[in-house]
Each structure stands twice: as C-alpha cells, then as structure tokens.
Amino acid sequence: MALQETMRALADPIRREILNLLKGGRLSAGEISERFPVTAASISRHLSVLREADLIRDKREGKYIYYELNASVLEEIMLFISDLRGEKENA
C-alpha cells in the first residue's frame, strides 16, 4: 500500500466527502459533481487523486463513468490506524 499517497488523498475535505457519498453506492461523475460548489474540472481532479490512491474504482458504462469505494484499501488503512493505536485484532 502506498500509504503516503493514501494519506494525501484523505487530507482534503472534499475528497473525504466524496468517499462519504460513495458509501451509499456508486455514483457517476456528474452526480458527484452536482453536490459540490466547485467546478466539474475540480471534482474530476479530486476523483483522479482518489483513484490514484486506489481508494475508489471507476467503470465506464456508455458515456458515463461510475465511481465506487474500494473497500479493501479502506480496510488496510483501518488496520494501520488500529495498529498505531495499539489495538489488537480479535482472534
């Protein structure tokens, strides 16, 4: 896991809010963009950073691109944070 890239992606509040939106299921770039008071180009860049950090996945369907969470990377981050806190995994 490229932890530094992941943490950089999570540092931005808009990107964290995009991840929160995707908890409810996949969304198109347009559906994501309409929920923020920034340009579509800005949202596109945020999505690119999240994708590069492997926090989200995209899938083209016709003329639309849909985004969804990549739960496996999120689980790795949670394990890392739990380890930092000294929490033990339940056996």
Protein backbone atom coordinates (compact mmCIF):
# COMPACT_ATOMS: atom_id res chain seq x y z
CA MET A 1 0.00 0.00 0.00
CA ALA A 2 1.30 3.43 -0.89
CA LEU A 3 0.38 4.88 2.47
CA GLN A 4 1.75 8.34 1.78
CA GLU A 5 -0.38 8.70 -1.35
CA THR A 6 -3.43 7.40 0.50
CA MET A 7 -2.99 9.82 3.39
CA ARG A 8 -2.50 12.71 0.96
CA ALA A 9 -5.75 11.77 -0.76
CA LEU A 10 -7.58 11.64 2.58
CA ALA A 11 -6.20 15.00 3.72
CA ASP A 12 -8.62 17.00 1.57
CA PRO A 13 -12.15 17.60 2.94
CA ILE A 14 -13.78 17.42 -0.50
CA ARG A 15 -12.19 14.05 -1.16
CA ARG A 16 -13.34 12.78 2.23
CA GLU A 17 -16.87 13.95 1.45
CA ILE A 18 -16.73 12.17 -1.94
CA LEU A 19 -15.83 8.96 -0.08
CA ASN A 20 -18.77 9.54 2.28
CA LEU A 21 -21.10 9.94 -0.70
CA LEU A 22 -19.84 6.71 -2.22
CA LYS A 23 -20.65 4.80 0.98
CA GLY A 24 -24.23 4.88 -0.27
CA GLY A 25 -23.31 3.18 -3.54
CA ARG A 26 -21.80 4.02 -6.87
CA LEU A 27 -22.32 7.42 -8.44
CA SER A 28 -21.48 8.98 -11.78
CA ALA A 29 -19.02 11.85 -12.01
CA GLY A 30 -21.94 14.17 -12.77
CA GLU A 31 -23.89 13.02 -9.72
CA ILE A 32 -20.85 13.64 -7.54
CA SER A 33 -20.08 17.00 -9.14
CA GLU A 34 -23.57 18.41 -8.64
CA ARG A 35 -23.20 18.06 -4.86
CA PHE A 36 -20.24 20.44 -4.57
CA PRO A 37 -19.87 24.19 -5.16
CA VAL A 38 -16.73 23.72 -7.27
CA THR A 39 -16.17 23.18 -10.98
CA ALA A 40 -16.57 19.82 -12.65
CA ALA A 41 -12.87 20.00 -13.55
CA SER A 42 -12.01 20.33 -9.85
CA ILE A 43 -14.14 17.30 -8.98
CA SER A 44 -12.50 15.40 -11.82
CA ARG A 45 -9.10 16.12 -10.29
CA HIS A 46 -10.28 15.01 -6.83
CA LEU A 47 -11.61 11.77 -8.35
CA SER A 48 -8.28 11.25 -10.09
CA VAL A 49 -6.36 11.63 -6.81
CA LEU A 50 -8.71 9.18 -5.08
CA ARG A 51 -8.34 6.71 -7.95
CA GLU A 52 -4.53 7.02 -7.93
CA ALA A 53 -4.58 6.26 -4.20
CA ASP A 54 -6.76 3.23 -5.02
CA LEU A 55 -9.49 4.47 -2.68
CA ILE A 56 -12.09 4.35 -5.45
CA ARG A 57 -12.66 2.39 -8.63
CA ASP A 58 -14.23 3.60 -11.83
CA LYS A 59 -16.18 1.82 -14.52
CA ARG A 60 -17.29 3.24 -17.84
CA GLU A 61 -20.82 2.41 -18.94
CA GLY A 62 -21.70 4.04 -22.22
CA LYS A 63 -20.94 7.73 -21.95
CA TYR A 64 -20.87 7.72 -18.13
CA ILE A 65 -18.15 6.83 -15.66
CA TYR A 66 -19.33 5.43 -12.34
CA TYR A 67 -17.27 5.51 -9.17
CA GLU A 68 -17.40 3.23 -6.15
CA LEU A 69 -15.40 2.71 -2.97
CA ASN A 70 -12.51 0.27 -2.92
CA ALA A 71 -13.24 -1.27 0.47
CA SER A 72 -10.06 -3.35 0.60
CA VAL A 73 -7.81 -0.29 0.71
CA LEU A 74 -10.03 1.33 3.34
CA GLU A 75 -9.73 -1.84 5.45
CA GLU A 76 -5.92 -1.70 5.17
CA ILE A 77 -5.95 1.90 6.39
CA MET A 78 -8.16 0.98 9.35
CA LEU A 79 -5.80 -1.85 10.28
CA PHE A 80 -2.83 0.51 10.07
CA ILE A 81 -4.54 3.08 12.31
CA SER A 82 -5.65 0.39 14.77
CA ASP A 83 -2.06 -0.85 14.92
CA LEU A 84 -0.82 2.67 15.65
CA ARG A 85 -3.30 2.94 18.49
CA GLY A 86 -2.05 -0.37 19.88
CA GLU A 87 -5.36 -2.15 19.33
CA LYS A 88 -5.19 -5.90 18.92
CA GLU A 89 -7.13 -7.80 16.29
CA ASN A 90 -9.86 -10.05 17.63
CA ALA A 91 -8.68 -13.63 17.18
